[in-house]
């Protein structure tokens, strides 16, 4: 399985929902609060046309392939990206 990084904020309901779904499915992830990490906020802005849209999820495949970046993905989309 690849590595999952979820960029979020503490107040984001979509972030809380996705976090809970990932935990229930046993999918390990690293959560980064963009309000506490300026570099993470910049990464999220670059991925979202200048907007700090969360959750932004970055999946690095275990085979070293290209990273996949998704904005507010569903659990199914995350699982599909991990299966590649």
N, C-alpha and C. Protein backbone atom coordinates (compact mmCIF):
# COMPACT_ATOMS: atom_id res chain seq x y z
N UNK A 1 0.85 -1.18 0.00
CA UNK A 1 0.00 0.00 0.00
C UNK A 1 0.89 1.24 0.00
N UNK A 2 0.46 2.26 -0.69
CA UNK A 2 1.21 3.51 -0.73
C UNK A 2 1.02 4.30 0.56
N UNK A 3 1.66 5.45 0.61
CA UNK A 3 1.50 6.30 1.78
C UNK A 3 0.47 7.39 1.50
N UNK A 4 -0.32 7.69 2.51
CA UNK A 4 -1.40 8.67 2.39
C UNK A 4 -1.10 9.83 3.32
N UNK A 5 -1.13 11.04 2.78
CA UNK A 5 -1.02 12.25 3.58
C UNK A 5 -2.27 13.07 3.36
N UNK A 6 -2.93 13.42 4.46
CA UNK A 6 -4.15 14.22 4.37
C UNK A 6 -3.87 15.59 4.97
N UNK A 7 -4.01 16.61 4.14
CA UNK A 7 -3.86 17.99 4.57
C UNK A 7 -5.23 18.49 5.00
N UNK A 8 -5.31 19.03 6.21
CA UNK A 8 -6.61 19.35 6.79
C UNK A 8 -6.53 20.56 7.71
N UNK A 9 -7.67 20.86 8.33
CA UNK A 9 -7.75 21.83 9.41
C UNK A 9 -8.61 21.19 10.51
N UNK A 10 -8.53 21.74 11.71
CA UNK A 10 -9.30 21.17 12.81
C UNK A 10 -10.80 21.42 12.67
N UNK A 11 -11.18 22.49 11.98
CA UNK A 11 -12.59 22.87 11.89
C UNK A 11 -13.31 22.30 10.67
N UNK A 12 -12.61 21.58 9.81
CA UNK A 12 -13.18 21.09 8.55
C UNK A 12 -13.99 19.81 8.76
N UNK A 13 -15.29 19.90 8.53
CA UNK A 13 -16.15 18.72 8.67
C UNK A 13 -15.85 17.63 7.66
N UNK A 14 -15.50 18.01 6.44
CA UNK A 14 -15.16 17.02 5.41
C UNK A 14 -13.88 16.27 5.81
N UNK A 15 -12.96 17.00 6.44
CA UNK A 15 -11.71 16.37 6.91
C UNK A 15 -12.02 15.35 8.01
N UNK A 16 -12.86 15.73 8.96
CA UNK A 16 -13.23 14.80 10.05
C UNK A 16 -13.91 13.56 9.50
N UNK A 17 -14.79 13.76 8.51
CA UNK A 17 -15.50 12.61 7.93
C UNK A 17 -14.51 11.66 7.25
N UNK A 18 -13.62 12.19 6.41
CA UNK A 18 -12.67 11.34 5.70
C UNK A 18 -11.72 10.66 6.68
N UNK A 19 -11.27 11.39 7.69
CA UNK A 19 -10.37 10.83 8.70
C UNK A 19 -11.03 9.63 9.37
N UNK A 20 -12.29 9.77 9.77
CA UNK A 20 -13.01 8.67 10.41
C UNK A 20 -13.17 7.48 9.48
N UNK A 21 -13.45 7.73 8.21
CA UNK A 21 -13.61 6.65 7.25
C UNK A 21 -12.29 5.90 7.05
N UNK A 22 -11.20 6.64 6.92
CA UNK A 22 -9.89 6.00 6.75
C UNK A 22 -9.55 5.15 7.97
N UNK A 23 -9.81 5.69 9.15
CA UNK A 23 -9.52 4.94 10.38
C UNK A 23 -10.36 3.67 10.46
N UNK A 24 -11.66 3.75 10.13
CA UNK A 24 -12.53 2.57 10.16
C UNK A 24 -12.07 1.51 9.17
N UNK A 25 -11.53 1.93 8.04
CA UNK A 25 -11.05 0.99 7.01
C UNK A 25 -9.64 0.48 7.31
N UNK A 26 -9.00 1.01 8.33
CA UNK A 26 -7.65 0.59 8.68
C UNK A 26 -6.59 1.11 7.72
N UNK A 27 -6.88 2.22 7.06
CA UNK A 27 -5.93 2.83 6.12
C UNK A 27 -5.08 3.84 6.89
N UNK A 28 -3.80 3.56 7.00
CA UNK A 28 -2.89 4.45 7.72
C UNK A 28 -2.68 5.73 6.92
N UNK A 29 -2.60 6.85 7.63
CA UNK A 29 -2.37 8.12 6.97
C UNK A 29 -1.68 9.06 7.93
N UNK A 30 -1.06 10.06 7.36
CA UNK A 30 -0.46 11.14 8.13
C UNK A 30 -1.33 12.37 7.92
N UNK A 31 -1.71 13.01 9.01
CA UNK A 31 -2.54 14.21 8.92
C UNK A 31 -1.66 15.43 9.19
N UNK A 32 -1.79 16.45 8.32
CA UNK A 32 -1.02 17.67 8.45
C UNK A 32 -2.00 18.84 8.49
N UNK A 33 -1.97 19.61 9.58
CA UNK A 33 -2.84 20.77 9.74
C UNK A 33 -2.20 21.95 9.01
N UNK A 34 -2.86 22.43 7.97
CA UNK A 34 -2.27 23.50 7.17
C UNK A 34 -2.25 24.84 7.90
N UNK A 35 -3.03 24.96 8.97
CA UNK A 35 -3.00 26.20 9.75
C UNK A 35 -1.77 26.27 10.65
N UNK A 36 -1.15 25.12 10.89
CA UNK A 36 0.04 25.08 11.74
C UNK A 36 1.33 24.92 10.93
N UNK A 37 1.18 24.64 9.64
CA UNK A 37 2.34 24.34 8.80
C UNK A 37 2.26 25.17 7.51
N UNK A 38 2.97 26.30 7.45
CA UNK A 38 2.91 27.16 6.26
C UNK A 38 3.34 26.46 4.97
N UNK A 39 4.31 25.56 5.05
CA UNK A 39 4.72 24.83 3.84
C UNK A 39 3.60 23.94 3.33
N UNK A 40 2.86 23.33 4.24
CA UNK A 40 1.72 22.49 3.85
C UNK A 40 0.62 23.34 3.22
N UNK A 41 0.39 24.53 3.78
CA UNK A 41 -0.61 25.43 3.22
C UNK A 41 -0.24 25.82 1.79
N UNK A 42 1.03 26.06 1.56
CA UNK A 42 1.50 26.40 0.21
C UNK A 42 1.29 25.23 -0.75
N UNK A 43 1.59 24.02 -0.29
CA UNK A 43 1.39 22.83 -1.12
C UNK A 43 -0.08 22.70 -1.51
N UNK A 44 -0.96 22.89 -0.54
CA UNK A 44 -2.40 22.79 -0.81
C UNK A 44 -2.84 23.87 -1.79
N UNK A 45 -2.34 25.08 -1.63
CA UNK A 45 -2.67 26.15 -2.57
C UNK A 45 -2.22 25.81 -3.98
N UNK A 46 -1.03 25.26 -4.12
CA UNK A 46 -0.51 24.90 -5.44
C UNK A 46 -1.36 23.82 -6.09
N UNK A 47 -1.88 22.90 -5.28
CA UNK A 47 -2.69 21.80 -5.81
C UNK A 47 -4.11 22.24 -6.15
N UNK A 48 -4.53 23.40 -5.61
CA UNK A 48 -5.93 23.81 -5.74
C UNK A 48 -6.10 25.22 -6.30
N UNK A 49 -5.27 25.58 -7.26
CA UNK A 49 -5.44 26.85 -7.95
C UNK A 49 -5.38 28.06 -7.04
N UNK A 50 -4.54 28.01 -6.00
CA UNK A 50 -4.39 29.13 -5.08
C UNK A 50 -5.30 29.08 -3.87
N UNK A 51 -6.17 28.10 -3.80
CA UNK A 51 -7.11 27.97 -2.68
C UNK A 51 -6.62 26.98 -1.64
N UNK A 52 -6.92 27.24 -0.40
CA UNK A 52 -6.57 26.31 0.68
C UNK A 52 -7.74 25.36 0.92
N UNK A 53 -8.02 24.54 -0.06
CA UNK A 53 -9.15 23.61 0.00
C UNK A 53 -8.71 22.33 0.68
N UNK A 54 -9.45 21.95 1.72
CA UNK A 54 -9.16 20.72 2.45
C UNK A 54 -10.44 19.90 2.55
N UNK A 55 -10.31 18.58 2.67
CA UNK A 55 -9.06 17.84 2.69
C UNK A 55 -8.44 17.74 1.30
N UNK A 56 -7.14 17.91 1.27
CA UNK A 56 -6.35 17.59 0.09
C UNK A 56 -5.53 16.37 0.48
N UNK A 57 -5.62 15.34 -0.33
CA UNK A 57 -4.95 14.07 -0.03
C UNK A 57 -3.90 13.81 -1.09
N UNK A 58 -2.71 13.44 -0.62
CA UNK A 58 -1.62 13.07 -1.52
C UNK A 58 -1.28 11.61 -1.25
N UNK A 59 -1.29 10.82 -2.30
CA UNK A 59 -0.95 9.40 -2.18
C UNK A 59 0.31 9.14 -2.98
N UNK A 60 1.32 8.62 -2.29
CA UNK A 60 2.57 8.23 -2.95
C UNK A 60 2.54 6.71 -3.08
N UNK A 61 2.50 6.21 -4.30
CA UNK A 61 2.44 4.76 -4.49
C UNK A 61 3.70 4.08 -3.98
N UNK A 62 3.54 2.85 -3.53
CA UNK A 62 4.68 2.11 -2.99
C UNK A 62 5.69 1.75 -4.06
N UNK A 63 5.28 1.72 -5.32
CA UNK A 63 6.19 1.33 -6.39
C UNK A 63 7.04 2.49 -6.91
N UNK A 64 6.91 3.66 -6.26
CA UNK A 64 7.70 4.81 -6.69
C UNK A 64 7.12 5.57 -7.86
N UNK A 65 5.90 5.24 -8.27
CA UNK A 65 5.26 5.94 -9.37
C UNK A 65 4.88 7.36 -8.99
N UNK A 66 4.19 8.02 -9.87
CA UNK A 66 3.80 9.41 -9.67
C UNK A 66 2.79 9.54 -8.53
N UNK A 67 2.95 10.60 -7.73
CA UNK A 67 2.01 10.89 -6.66
C UNK A 67 0.66 11.25 -7.24
N UNK A 68 -0.38 10.96 -6.49
CA UNK A 68 -1.74 11.31 -6.86
C UNK A 68 -2.24 12.31 -5.83
N UNK A 69 -2.74 13.45 -6.30
CA UNK A 69 -3.28 14.47 -5.41
C UNK A 69 -4.78 14.60 -5.69
N UNK A 70 -5.58 14.55 -4.61
CA UNK A 70 -7.03 14.64 -4.74
C UNK A 70 -7.57 15.66 -3.75
N UNK A 71 -8.57 16.40 -4.17
CA UNK A 71 -9.22 17.38 -3.32
C UNK A 71 -10.58 16.85 -2.90
N UNK A 72 -10.78 16.79 -1.58
CA UNK A 72 -12.03 16.30 -0.99
C UNK A 72 -12.48 14.97 -1.63
N UNK A 73 -11.59 13.97 -1.63
CA UNK A 73 -11.94 12.71 -2.25
C UNK A 73 -12.88 11.89 -1.38
N UNK A 74 -13.59 10.99 -2.02
CA UNK A 74 -14.39 10.02 -1.27
C UNK A 74 -13.47 8.90 -0.81
N UNK A 75 -13.95 8.11 0.13
CA UNK A 75 -13.19 6.95 0.58
C UNK A 75 -12.91 6.01 -0.60
N UNK A 76 -13.89 5.83 -1.47
CA UNK A 76 -13.72 4.96 -2.63
C UNK A 76 -12.59 5.46 -3.54
N UNK A 77 -12.50 6.77 -3.72
CA UNK A 77 -11.43 7.32 -4.56
C UNK A 77 -10.06 7.09 -3.93
N UNK A 78 -9.96 7.23 -2.63
CA UNK A 78 -8.69 6.98 -1.95
C UNK A 78 -8.31 5.51 -2.09
N UNK A 79 -9.27 4.63 -1.86
CA UNK A 79 -8.99 3.20 -1.97
C UNK A 79 -8.58 2.82 -3.39
N UNK A 80 -9.22 3.42 -4.37
CA UNK A 80 -8.88 3.13 -5.76
C UNK A 80 -7.45 3.60 -6.07
N UNK A 81 -7.08 4.78 -5.60
CA UNK A 81 -5.73 5.30 -5.85
C UNK A 81 -4.69 4.43 -5.16
N UNK A 82 -5.02 3.87 -4.01
CA UNK A 82 -4.07 2.99 -3.30
C UNK A 82 -3.93 1.65 -4.00
N UNK A 83 -4.95 1.22 -4.72
CA UNK A 83 -4.93 -0.08 -5.38
C UNK A 83 -4.08 -0.08 -6.64
N UNK A 84 -3.76 1.09 -7.15
CA UNK A 84 -3.00 1.18 -8.40
C UNK A 84 -1.58 0.75 -8.19
